[in-house]
Amino acid sequence: MEELIGILESHNVYSFMDPPKSMTDSEVAAFLAKASEFEDCRHYSYLLAYLNTHDSHYCSAYSLYIPMNSLVLPTTVQSHRHYTFDEWTYHCKKSIESSSHIYHYIPGAGSGTSTGCIIHIWQVPLENTMRMFFFVCKHQPLPVNQQQWNPYSKFPCNLLCTEHVLQALSPSFYIIEPQHIICHLAAHKLPKPG
């Protein structure tokens, strides 16, 4: 009976909008001391570009000139294999692939949405606040000549929000934050013929 009562307990569905806990300078320093550099140096540039598009202006730590009192993006992050947000756990592809496929809002695109697979999960303190970022590779749509065989592209099946995509991920990607995630995706890989 207690299990059923737990279902009815009120739950703050807007908890993701609560302001994050502020960190002290010593907490930030301790965190960065345990962090490691990005696996791929391009990822630093991608995260910097994302922040400069959607947040305050950050300078690269590799710049030859950094103006006084500028925000500088740290060169180290903590990489995670999974992250729990609003009672749902999301994994990166190399951890648990079935929990890495997501449906999400496209940052800066209003209500535009996309689907993809989480490749990396990074945590980094910015302006004394812990932030989490997801590097998501987009799913590749079927080629145009194969769309004619896709039953989900025609009415009434197109109302099911279901789509066939290629198993290979697109080279295109998004960097998103937890508030951009809408839900997990159910993914079923077809066996290779033969």
N, C-alpha and C. Protein backbone atom coordinates (compact mmCIF):
# COMPACT_ATOMS: atom_id res chain seq x y z
N MET A 1 0.82 -1.19 0.00
CA MET A 1 0.00 0.00 0.00
C MET A 1 0.87 1.26 0.00
N GLU A 2 1.98 1.22 0.77
CA GLU A 2 2.86 2.38 0.85
C GLU A 2 3.46 2.70 -0.52
N GLU A 3 3.71 1.67 -1.32
CA GLU A 3 4.25 1.89 -2.66
C GLU A 3 3.27 2.69 -3.51
N LEU A 4 1.99 2.38 -3.37
CA LEU A 4 0.97 3.09 -4.13
C LEU A 4 0.80 4.52 -3.64
N ILE A 5 0.95 4.73 -2.34
CA ILE A 5 0.83 6.09 -1.79
C ILE A 5 1.95 6.96 -2.36
N GLY A 6 3.14 6.38 -2.53
CA GLY A 6 4.27 7.12 -3.09
C GLY A 6 3.98 7.67 -4.47
N ILE A 7 3.17 6.97 -5.24
CA ILE A 7 2.80 7.42 -6.58
C ILE A 7 1.98 8.70 -6.51
N LEU A 8 1.13 8.80 -5.48
CA LEU A 8 0.22 9.94 -5.36
C LEU A 8 0.85 11.16 -4.69
N GLU A 9 2.04 11.00 -4.10
CA GLU A 9 2.69 12.14 -3.46
C GLU A 9 2.97 13.23 -4.48
N SER A 10 2.83 14.46 -4.00
CA SER A 10 3.07 15.58 -4.92
C SER A 10 4.54 15.62 -5.32
N HIS A 11 4.77 16.05 -6.51
CA HIS A 11 6.11 16.08 -7.08
C HIS A 11 6.27 17.41 -7.81
N ASN A 12 7.34 18.11 -7.53
CA ASN A 12 7.59 19.40 -8.16
C ASN A 12 8.11 19.17 -9.58
N VAL A 13 7.23 19.26 -10.57
CA VAL A 13 7.63 19.02 -11.95
C VAL A 13 8.49 20.16 -12.50
N TYR A 14 8.56 21.27 -11.80
CA TYR A 14 9.36 22.40 -12.25
C TYR A 14 10.67 22.52 -11.47
N SER A 15 11.11 21.43 -10.84
CA SER A 15 12.33 21.48 -10.04
C SER A 15 13.55 21.84 -10.89
N PHE A 16 13.51 21.52 -12.19
CA PHE A 16 14.64 21.85 -13.07
C PHE A 16 14.82 23.35 -13.21
N MET A 17 13.80 24.14 -12.84
CA MET A 17 13.88 25.59 -12.95
C MET A 17 14.45 26.23 -11.68
N ASP A 18 14.63 25.44 -10.61
CA ASP A 18 15.19 25.98 -9.38
C ASP A 18 16.61 26.46 -9.65
N PRO A 19 17.01 27.57 -9.02
CA PRO A 19 18.38 28.04 -9.24
C PRO A 19 19.39 27.04 -8.69
N PRO A 20 20.47 26.77 -9.43
CA PRO A 20 21.46 25.81 -8.96
C PRO A 20 22.20 26.33 -7.74
N LYS A 21 22.72 25.40 -6.95
CA LYS A 21 23.48 25.74 -5.75
C LYS A 21 24.78 26.43 -6.14
N SER A 22 25.08 27.52 -5.45
CA SER A 22 26.32 28.25 -5.72
C SER A 22 27.49 27.55 -5.03
N MET A 23 28.64 27.54 -5.69
CA MET A 23 29.84 26.90 -5.15
C MET A 23 30.81 27.97 -4.66
N THR A 24 31.58 27.62 -3.64
CA THR A 24 32.63 28.53 -3.18
C THR A 24 33.83 28.38 -4.12
N ASP A 25 34.75 29.34 -4.05
CA ASP A 25 35.95 29.26 -4.89
C ASP A 25 36.77 28.02 -4.57
N SER A 26 36.83 27.64 -3.29
CA SER A 26 37.61 26.44 -2.92
C SER A 26 36.93 25.17 -3.45
N GLU A 27 35.60 25.14 -3.49
CA GLU A 27 34.89 23.98 -4.06
C GLU A 27 35.16 23.88 -5.57
N VAL A 28 35.18 25.02 -6.24
CA VAL A 28 35.47 25.04 -7.68
C VAL A 28 36.89 24.54 -7.92
N ALA A 29 37.85 25.03 -7.12
CA ALA A 29 39.25 24.62 -7.28
C ALA A 29 39.41 23.12 -7.03
N ALA A 30 38.74 22.60 -6.00
CA ALA A 30 38.82 21.17 -5.70
C ALA A 30 38.22 20.34 -6.84
N PHE A 31 37.12 20.81 -7.40
CA PHE A 31 36.49 20.11 -8.52
C PHE A 31 37.42 20.08 -9.73
N LEU A 32 37.97 21.23 -10.08
CA LEU A 32 38.84 21.31 -11.26
C LEU A 32 40.13 20.52 -11.08
N ALA A 33 40.59 20.38 -9.83
CA ALA A 33 41.80 19.59 -9.57
C ALA A 33 41.57 18.12 -9.89
N LYS A 34 40.33 17.65 -9.72
CA LYS A 34 39.99 16.24 -10.01
C LYS A 34 39.56 16.04 -11.46
N ALA A 35 39.32 17.11 -12.17
CA ALA A 35 38.82 17.02 -13.55
C ALA A 35 39.95 16.68 -14.51
N SER A 36 39.58 16.29 -15.71
CA SER A 36 40.58 15.98 -16.73
C SER A 36 40.26 16.75 -18.01
N GLU A 37 41.24 16.82 -18.90
CA GLU A 37 41.05 17.56 -20.15
C GLU A 37 40.07 16.82 -21.05
N PHE A 38 39.50 17.54 -21.99
CA PHE A 38 38.58 16.94 -22.96
C PHE A 38 39.30 15.83 -23.72
N GLU A 39 38.55 14.76 -24.06
CA GLU A 39 39.13 13.65 -24.84
C GLU A 39 39.59 14.14 -26.21
N ASP A 40 38.86 15.06 -26.77
CA ASP A 40 39.15 15.61 -28.10
C ASP A 40 39.22 17.13 -27.94
N CYS A 41 40.31 17.75 -28.36
CA CYS A 41 40.48 19.19 -28.17
C CYS A 41 39.39 19.99 -28.90
N ARG A 42 38.79 19.41 -29.94
CA ARG A 42 37.71 20.11 -30.64
C ARG A 42 36.49 20.29 -29.74
N HIS A 43 36.29 19.37 -28.80
CA HIS A 43 35.13 19.46 -27.91
C HIS A 43 35.18 20.74 -27.06
N TYR A 44 36.39 21.16 -26.69
CA TYR A 44 36.53 22.42 -25.96
C TYR A 44 36.01 23.58 -26.81
N SER A 45 36.39 23.59 -28.07
CA SER A 45 35.93 24.66 -28.98
C SER A 45 34.43 24.61 -29.19
N TYR A 46 33.86 23.41 -29.28
CA TYR A 46 32.41 23.27 -29.47
C TYR A 46 31.65 23.80 -28.25
N LEU A 47 32.13 23.44 -27.05
CA LEU A 47 31.46 23.92 -25.83
C LEU A 47 31.60 25.43 -25.70
N LEU A 48 32.77 25.96 -26.04
CA LEU A 48 32.98 27.41 -26.01
C LEU A 48 32.02 28.11 -26.97
N ALA A 49 31.87 27.59 -28.16
CA ALA A 49 30.95 28.18 -29.15
C ALA A 49 29.51 28.11 -28.64
N TYR A 50 29.13 26.99 -28.04
CA TYR A 50 27.77 26.86 -27.49
C TYR A 50 27.52 27.92 -26.42
N LEU A 51 28.46 28.05 -25.49
CA LEU A 51 28.29 29.02 -24.39
C LEU A 51 28.23 30.45 -24.92
N ASN A 52 29.04 30.76 -25.91
CA ASN A 52 29.05 32.12 -26.44
C ASN A 52 27.81 32.41 -27.28
N THR A 53 27.13 31.39 -27.72
CA THR A 53 25.89 31.57 -28.47
C THR A 53 24.70 31.73 -27.53
N HIS A 54 24.74 31.03 -26.39
CA HIS A 54 23.58 30.97 -25.52
C HIS A 54 23.77 31.59 -24.14
N ASP A 55 24.97 32.00 -23.78
CA ASP A 55 25.24 32.52 -22.44
C ASP A 55 26.06 33.79 -22.52
N SER A 56 26.73 34.06 -21.40
CA SER A 56 27.67 35.17 -21.35
C SER A 56 28.82 34.89 -22.30
N HIS A 57 29.63 35.89 -22.55
CA HIS A 57 30.77 35.70 -23.44
C HIS A 57 31.94 35.11 -22.65
N TYR A 58 32.40 33.96 -23.09
CA TYR A 58 33.55 33.30 -22.47
C TYR A 58 34.74 33.41 -23.40
N CYS A 59 35.92 33.56 -22.81
CA CYS A 59 37.17 33.57 -23.57
C CYS A 59 37.78 32.17 -23.52
N SER A 60 38.52 31.84 -24.54
CA SER A 60 39.24 30.57 -24.56
C SER A 60 40.46 30.68 -23.66
N ALA A 61 40.74 29.64 -22.92
CA ALA A 61 41.93 29.62 -22.08
C ALA A 61 43.19 29.60 -22.93
N TYR A 62 43.06 29.28 -24.21
CA TYR A 62 44.19 29.21 -25.12
C TYR A 62 44.43 30.51 -25.88
N SER A 63 43.63 31.54 -25.61
CA SER A 63 43.80 32.83 -26.28
C SER A 63 45.11 33.48 -25.85
N LEU A 64 45.71 34.19 -26.78
CA LEU A 64 46.95 34.91 -26.45
C LEU A 64 46.66 36.12 -25.58
N TYR A 65 45.49 36.72 -25.77
CA TYR A 65 45.12 37.90 -24.99
C TYR A 65 43.75 37.65 -24.36
N ILE A 66 43.70 37.78 -23.03
CA ILE A 66 42.43 37.65 -22.30
C ILE A 66 42.22 38.94 -21.53
N PRO A 67 41.17 39.70 -21.87
CA PRO A 67 40.91 40.96 -21.16
C PRO A 67 40.69 40.73 -19.66
N MET A 68 40.98 41.76 -18.88
CA MET A 68 40.77 41.70 -17.43
C MET A 68 39.30 41.43 -17.13
N ASN A 69 39.05 40.69 -16.06
CA ASN A 69 37.71 40.37 -15.57
C ASN A 69 36.87 39.59 -16.58
N SER A 70 37.51 38.92 -17.51
CA SER A 70 36.78 38.12 -18.50
C SER A 70 36.47 36.75 -17.91
N LEU A 71 35.40 36.16 -18.40
CA LEU A 71 35.07 34.78 -18.05
C LEU A 71 35.90 33.87 -18.95
N VAL A 72 36.56 32.89 -18.36
CA VAL A 72 37.40 31.96 -19.11
C VAL A 72 36.85 30.55 -18.91
N LEU A 73 36.62 29.85 -20.01
CA LEU A 73 36.13 28.48 -19.93
C LEU A 73 37.27 27.57 -19.49
N PRO A 74 37.08 26.83 -18.38
CA PRO A 74 38.13 25.91 -17.93
C PRO A 74 38.45 24.88 -19.01
N THR A 75 39.68 24.42 -19.03
CA THR A 75 40.10 23.43 -20.03
C THR A 75 39.83 22.01 -19.56
N THR A 76 39.35 21.86 -18.33
CA THR A 76 39.09 20.53 -17.79
C THR A 76 37.62 20.38 -17.41
N VAL A 77 37.13 19.16 -17.53
CA VAL A 77 35.75 18.83 -17.17
C VAL A 77 35.77 17.45 -16.51
N GLN A 78 34.70 17.13 -15.82
CA GLN A 78 34.52 15.75 -15.37
C GLN A 78 33.58 15.08 -16.35
N SER A 79 34.04 14.00 -16.93
CA SER A 79 33.21 13.23 -17.85
C SER A 79 32.44 12.19 -17.05
N HIS A 80 31.18 12.02 -17.40
CA HIS A 80 30.32 11.06 -16.70
C HIS A 80 29.79 10.05 -17.70
N ARG A 81 29.53 8.85 -17.19
CA ARG A 81 28.94 7.80 -18.02
C ARG A 81 27.42 7.89 -18.00
N HIS A 82 26.87 8.55 -16.97
CA HIS A 82 25.42 8.71 -16.88
C HIS A 82 25.10 9.95 -16.04
N TYR A 83 23.88 10.41 -16.15
CA TYR A 83 23.41 11.56 -15.39
C TYR A 83 21.92 11.40 -15.12
N THR A 84 21.52 11.60 -13.87
CA THR A 84 20.11 11.50 -13.50
C THR A 84 19.53 12.90 -13.41
N PHE A 85 18.45 13.10 -14.14
CA PHE A 85 17.78 14.40 -14.18
C PHE A 85 16.28 14.16 -14.07
N ASP A 86 15.66 14.80 -13.10
CA ASP A 86 14.22 14.70 -12.91
C ASP A 86 13.77 13.23 -12.85
N GLU A 87 14.53 12.45 -12.06
CA GLU A 87 14.25 11.03 -11.80
C GLU A 87 14.48 10.11 -13.00
N TRP A 88 15.04 10.60 -14.08
CA TRP A 88 15.36 9.78 -15.24
C TRP A 88 16.87 9.76 -15.42
N THR A 89 17.42 8.59 -15.73
CA THR A 89 18.86 8.47 -15.91
C THR A 89 19.18 8.36 -17.40
N TYR A 90 20.10 9.20 -17.84
CA TYR A 90 20.55 9.22 -19.23
C TYR A 90 22.00 8.77 -19.26
N HIS A 91 22.33 7.92 -20.20
CA HIS A 91 23.68 7.38 -20.33
C HIS A 91 24.32 7.84 -21.63
N CYS A 92 25.66 7.79 -21.66
CA CYS A 92 26.33 8.02 -22.94
C CYS A 92 26.37 6.68 -23.68
N LYS A 93 26.57 6.74 -24.97
CA LYS A 93 26.46 5.56 -25.83
C LYS A 93 27.38 4.43 -25.40
N LYS A 94 28.60 4.75 -24.99
CA LYS A 94 29.54 3.69 -24.64
C LYS A 94 29.23 3.05 -23.29
N SER A 95 28.33 3.66 -22.52
CA SER A 95 27.92 3.10 -21.24
C SER A 95 26.73 2.15 -21.41
N ILE A 96 25.57 2.69 -21.73
CA ILE A 96 24.37 1.88 -22.01
C ILE A 96 23.68 2.53 -23.20
N GLU A 97 23.85 1.94 -24.37
CA GLU A 97 23.35 2.58 -25.58
C GLU A 97 21.84 2.76 -25.57
N SER A 98 21.11 1.80 -25.03
CA SER A 98 19.64 1.90 -25.07
C SER A 98 19.11 3.07 -24.26
N SER A 99 19.90 3.59 -23.33
CA SER A 99 19.49 4.73 -22.52
C SER A 99 20.14 6.03 -22.99
N SER A 100 20.78 5.98 -24.17
CA SER A 100 21.47 7.17 -24.66
C SER A 100 20.72 7.87 -25.79
N HIS A 101 19.69 7.25 -26.33
CA HIS A 101 18.92 7.86 -27.41
C HIS A 101 17.85 8.76 -26.81
N ILE A 102 17.81 10.03 -27.28
CA ILE A 102 16.90 11.00 -26.68
C ILE A 102 16.18 11.83 -27.74
N TYR A 103 15.10 12.41 -27.29
CA TYR A 103 14.32 13.40 -28.04
C TYR A 103 14.53 14.69 -27.28
N HIS A 104 14.94 15.78 -27.95
CA HIS A 104 15.31 16.99 -27.23
C HIS A 104 14.97 18.25 -28.02
N TYR A 105 14.88 19.35 -27.27
CA TYR A 105 14.74 20.66 -27.91
C TYR A 105 16.09 21.07 -28.47
N ILE A 106 16.07 21.81 -29.56
CA ILE A 106 17.30 22.35 -30.14
C ILE A 106 17.57 23.69 -29.47
N PRO A 107 18.71 23.85 -28.79
CA PRO A 107 18.98 25.12 -28.11
C PRO A 107 18.94 26.30 -29.08
N GLY A 108 18.23 27.33 -28.69
CA GLY A 108 18.14 28.54 -29.50
C GLY A 108 17.18 28.45 -30.66
N ALA A 109 16.44 27.34 -30.79
CA ALA A 109 15.53 27.17 -31.93
C ALA A 109 14.06 27.21 -31.50
N GLY A 110 13.78 27.85 -30.39
CA GLY A 110 12.39 27.93 -29.92
C GLY A 110 11.86 26.56 -29.58
N SER A 111 10.82 26.14 -30.29
CA SER A 111 10.23 24.83 -30.00
C SER A 111 10.72 23.76 -30.97
N GLY A 112 11.79 24.04 -31.72
CA GLY A 112 12.35 23.05 -32.63
C GLY A 112 12.91 21.86 -31.87
N THR A 113 12.71 20.66 -32.41
CA THR A 113 13.16 19.45 -31.73
C THR A 113 14.01 18.59 -32.66
N SER A 114 14.73 17.66 -32.06
CA SER A 114 15.56 16.73 -32.81
C SER A 114 15.71 15.45 -32.00
N THR A 115 16.27 14.44 -32.62
CA THR A 115 16.60 13.21 -31.91
C THR A 115 18.07 12.92 -32.11
N GLY A 116 18.64 12.20 -31.16
CA GLY A 116 20.05 11.88 -31.26
C GLY A 116 20.49 10.92 -30.18
N CYS A 117 21.78 10.72 -30.13
CA CYS A 117 22.39 9.78 -29.19
C CYS A 117 23.45 10.52 -28.38
N ILE A 118 23.39 10.39 -27.06
CA ILE A 118 24.36 11.06 -26.18
C ILE A 118 25.71 10.35 -26.31
N ILE A 119 26.72 11.09 -26.71
CA ILE A 119 28.07 10.54 -26.86
C ILE A 119 28.92 10.87 -25.64
N HIS A 120 28.82 12.10 -25.15
CA HIS A 120 29.59 12.53 -23.98
C HIS A 120 28.69 13.29 -23.02
N ILE A 121 29.00 13.17 -21.73
CA ILE A 121 28.34 13.96 -20.69
C ILE A 121 29.45 14.65 -19.91
N TRP A 122 29.41 15.99 -19.87
CA TRP A 122 30.45 16.77 -19.21
C TRP A 122 29.85 17.59 -18.08
N GLN A 123 30.61 17.71 -17.00
CA GLN A 123 30.22 18.56 -15.88
C GLN A 123 31.35 19.54 -15.63
N VAL A 124 30.99 20.82 -15.50
CA VAL A 124 32.00 21.85 -15.30
C VAL A 124 31.40 23.02 -14.52
N PRO A 125 32.16 23.59 -13.57
CA PRO A 125 31.65 24.76 -12.86
C PRO A 125 31.89 26.03 -13.68
N LEU A 126 30.84 26.80 -13.88
CA LEU A 126 30.93 28.08 -14.59
C LEU A 126 30.31 29.15 -13.70
N GLU A 127 31.05 30.19 -13.46
CA GLU A 127 30.59 31.29 -12.61
C GLU A 127 30.07 30.75 -11.27
N ASN A 128 30.85 29.84 -10.68
CA ASN A 128 30.58 29.24 -9.37
C ASN A 128 29.27 28.45 -9.31
N THR A 129 28.82 27.98 -10.45
CA THR A 129 27.62 27.15 -10.52
C THR A 129 27.95 25.92 -11.36
N MET A 130 27.57 24.74 -10.86
CA MET A 130 27.85 23.50 -11.59
C MET A 130 26.90 23.39 -12.78
N ARG A 131 27.45 23.09 -13.93
CA ARG A 131 26.65 22.95 -15.16
C ARG A 131 26.94 21.58 -15.78
N MET A 132 25.93 21.04 -16.43
CA MET A 132 26.04 19.74 -17.09
C MET A 132 25.74 19.92 -18.57
N PHE A 133 26.54 19.32 -19.42
CA PHE A 133 26.38 19.44 -20.87
C PHE A 133 26.40 18.05 -21.51
N PHE A 134 25.60 17.89 -22.55
CA PHE A 134 25.52 16.63 -23.29
C PHE A 134 25.95 16.89 -24.72
N PHE A 135 26.87 16.08 -25.23
CA PHE A 135 27.28 16.13 -26.62
C PHE A 135 26.46 15.06 -27.33
N VAL A 136 25.51 15.50 -28.18
CA VAL A 136 24.53 14.61 -28.79
C VAL A 136 24.72 14.57 -30.31
N CYS A 137 25.03 13.40 -30.85
CA CYS A 137 25.08 13.24 -32.31
C CYS A 137 23.67 12.98 -32.82
N LYS A 138 23.32 13.66 -33.90
CA LYS A 138 21.98 13.53 -34.47
C LYS A 138 21.81 12.17 -35.14
N HIS A 139 20.57 11.69 -35.13
CA HIS A 139 20.24 10.51 -35.92
C HIS A 139 20.18 10.91 -37.39
N GLN A 140 20.62 10.02 -38.26
CA GLN A 140 20.56 10.28 -39.70
C GLN A 140 19.22 9.79 -40.25
N PRO A 141 18.52 10.63 -40.97
CA PRO A 141 17.26 10.17 -41.58
C PRO A 141 17.55 9.17 -42.70
N LEU A 142 16.53 8.41 -43.04
CA LEU A 142 16.67 7.49 -44.18
C LEU A 142 16.89 8.30 -45.45
N PRO A 143 17.63 7.75 -46.42
CA PRO A 143 17.76 8.43 -47.71
C PRO A 143 16.38 8.61 -48.35
N VAL A 144 16.25 9.62 -49.18
CA VAL A 144 14.97 9.95 -49.80
C VAL A 144 14.38 8.76 -50.55
N ASN A 145 15.23 8.00 -51.25
CA ASN A 145 14.71 6.86 -52.03
C ASN A 145 14.19 5.73 -51.14
N GLN A 146 14.56 5.70 -49.86
CA GLN A 146 14.06 4.68 -48.94
C GLN A 146 12.86 5.16 -48.13
N GLN A 147 12.61 6.47 -48.13
CA GLN A 147 11.48 7.00 -47.36
C GLN A 147 10.15 6.45 -47.84
N GLN A 148 10.06 6.11 -49.12
CA GLN A 148 8.79 5.60 -49.66
C GLN A 148 8.38 4.29 -48.99
N TRP A 149 9.34 3.55 -48.43
CA TRP A 149 9.04 2.28 -47.76
C TRP A 149 8.81 2.46 -46.26
N ASN A 150 8.92 3.67 -45.78
CA ASN A 150 8.75 3.94 -44.35
C ASN A 150 7.27 4.13 -44.03
N PRO A 151 6.64 3.19 -43.34
CA PRO A 151 5.20 3.32 -43.06
C PRO A 151 4.89 4.47 -42.11
N TYR A 152 5.89 4.92 -41.35
CA TYR A 152 5.65 5.97 -40.36
C TYR A 152 5.66 7.37 -40.96
N SER A 153 5.97 7.48 -42.23
CA SER A 153 6.00 8.81 -42.86
C SER A 153 4.66 9.18 -43.48
N LYS A 154 3.71 8.26 -43.48
CA LYS A 154 2.41 8.51 -44.11
C LYS A 154 1.29 8.47 -43.07
N PHE A 155 0.23 9.19 -43.34
CA PHE A 155 -0.93 9.21 -42.46
C PHE A 155 -1.56 7.82 -42.43
N PRO A 156 -2.04 7.31 -41.35
CA PRO A 156 -2.16 7.89 -40.01
C PRO A 156 -0.95 7.61 -39.12
N CYS A 157 -0.01 6.78 -39.62
CA CYS A 157 1.14 6.39 -38.79
C CYS A 157 2.04 7.57 -38.44
N ASN A 158 2.02 8.64 -39.25
CA ASN A 158 2.88 9.79 -38.95
C ASN A 158 2.46 10.49 -37.67
N LEU A 159 1.28 10.20 -37.16
CA LEU A 159 0.82 10.79 -35.90
C LEU A 159 1.45 10.11 -34.68
N LEU A 160 2.13 9.01 -34.88
CA LEU A 160 2.71 8.25 -33.77
C LEU A 160 4.05 8.80 -33.28
N CYS A 161 4.57 9.83 -33.93
CA CYS A 161 5.90 10.38 -33.57
C CYS A 161 6.96 9.27 -33.59
N THR A 162 6.91 8.46 -34.61
CA THR A 162 7.85 7.35 -34.78
C THR A 162 8.56 7.54 -36.12
N GLU A 163 9.82 7.19 -36.15
CA GLU A 163 10.58 7.42 -37.38
C GLU A 163 11.63 6.34 -37.53
N HIS A 164 11.89 5.95 -38.75
CA HIS A 164 13.02 5.07 -39.05
C HIS A 164 14.23 5.96 -39.33
N VAL A 165 15.36 5.58 -38.76
CA VAL A 165 16.60 6.31 -39.01
C VAL A 165 17.70 5.29 -39.31
N LEU A 166 18.79 5.77 -39.87
CA LEU A 166 19.93 4.89 -40.11
C LEU A 166 20.62 4.56 -38.79
N GLN A 167 21.26 3.40 -38.73
CA GLN A 167 21.97 3.04 -37.50
C GLN A 167 23.20 3.92 -37.29
N ALA A 168 23.85 4.30 -38.37
CA ALA A 168 25.02 5.17 -38.26
C ALA A 168 24.57 6.57 -37.87
N LEU A 169 25.26 7.16 -36.91
CA LEU A 169 24.90 8.51 -36.47
C LEU A 169 25.43 9.54 -37.45
N SER A 170 24.79 10.66 -37.48
CA SER A 170 25.18 11.77 -38.34
C SER A 170 26.45 12.42 -37.78
N PRO A 171 27.27 13.02 -38.63
CA PRO A 171 28.40 13.80 -38.11
C PRO A 171 27.93 15.11 -37.47
N SER A 172 26.68 15.49 -37.70
CA SER A 172 26.13 16.70 -37.08
C SER A 172 25.81 16.43 -35.62
N PHE A 173 25.93 17.45 -34.80
CA PHE A 173 25.71 17.26 -33.37
C PHE A 173 25.12 18.52 -32.75
N TYR A 174 24.64 18.37 -31.53
CA TYR A 174 24.20 19.49 -30.70
C TYR A 174 24.86 19.35 -29.35
N ILE A 175 25.10 20.48 -28.72
CA ILE A 175 25.46 20.48 -27.30
C ILE A 175 24.22 21.01 -26.60
N ILE A 176 23.72 20.22 -25.66
CA ILE A 176 22.50 20.59 -24.95
C ILE A 176 22.73 20.49 -23.45
N GLU A 177 21.76 20.99 -22.70
CA GLU A 177 21.78 20.91 -21.24
C GLU A 177 20.56 20.12 -20.78
N PRO A 178 20.52 19.71 -19.52
CA PRO A 178 19.41 18.86 -19.05
C PRO A 178 18.02 19.41 -19.36
N GLN A 179 17.83 20.71 -19.27
CA GLN A 179 16.49 21.27 -19.50
C GLN A 179 16.04 21.13 -20.95
N HIS A 180 16.94 20.80 -21.86
CA HIS A 180 16.57 20.62 -23.27
C HIS A 180 16.02 19.21 -23.55
N ILE A 181 16.28 18.26 -22.65
CA ILE A 181 15.85 16.88 -22.89
C ILE A 181 14.35 16.76 -22.68
N ILE A 182 13.68 16.15 -23.65
CA ILE A 182 12.24 15.90 -23.55
C ILE A 182 12.01 14.50 -23.00
N CYS A 183 12.64 13.48 -23.60
CA CYS A 183 12.45 12.11 -23.12
C CYS A 183 13.47 11.17 -23.76
N HIS A 184 13.51 9.95 -23.22
CA HIS A 184 14.27 8.87 -23.85
C HIS A 184 13.56 8.47 -25.14
N LEU A 185 14.29 7.81 -26.01
CA LEU A 185 13.70 7.22 -27.21
C LEU A 185 13.83 5.70 -27.13
N ALA A 186 12.84 5.03 -27.61
CA ALA A 186 12.95 3.58 -27.77
C ALA A 186 13.64 3.33 -29.10
N ALA A 187 14.72 2.60 -29.08
CA ALA A 187 15.46 2.32 -30.31
C ALA A 187 15.57 0.82 -30.49
N HIS A 188 15.30 0.36 -31.68
CA HIS A 188 15.42 -1.06 -32.01
C HIS A 188 16.30 -1.17 -33.25
N LYS A 189 17.42 -1.85 -33.09
CA LYS A 189 18.31 -2.04 -34.23
C LYS A 189 17.90 -3.30 -34.97
N LEU A 190 17.78 -3.17 -36.27
CA LEU A 190 17.45 -4.33 -37.09
C LEU A 190 18.69 -5.21 -37.23
N PRO A 191 18.52 -6.52 -37.18
CA PRO A 191 19.68 -7.40 -37.38
C PRO A 191 20.23 -7.26 -38.79
N LYS A 192 21.53 -7.48 -38.91
CA LYS A 192 22.15 -7.41 -40.24
C LYS A 192 21.65 -8.57 -41.08
N PRO A 193 21.33 -8.30 -42.34
CA PRO A 193 20.84 -9.39 -43.20
C PRO A 193 21.92 -10.45 -43.41
N GLY A 194 21.46 -11.68 -43.55
CA GLY A 194 22.39 -12.75 -43.87
C GLY A 194 22.59 -13.64 -42.79
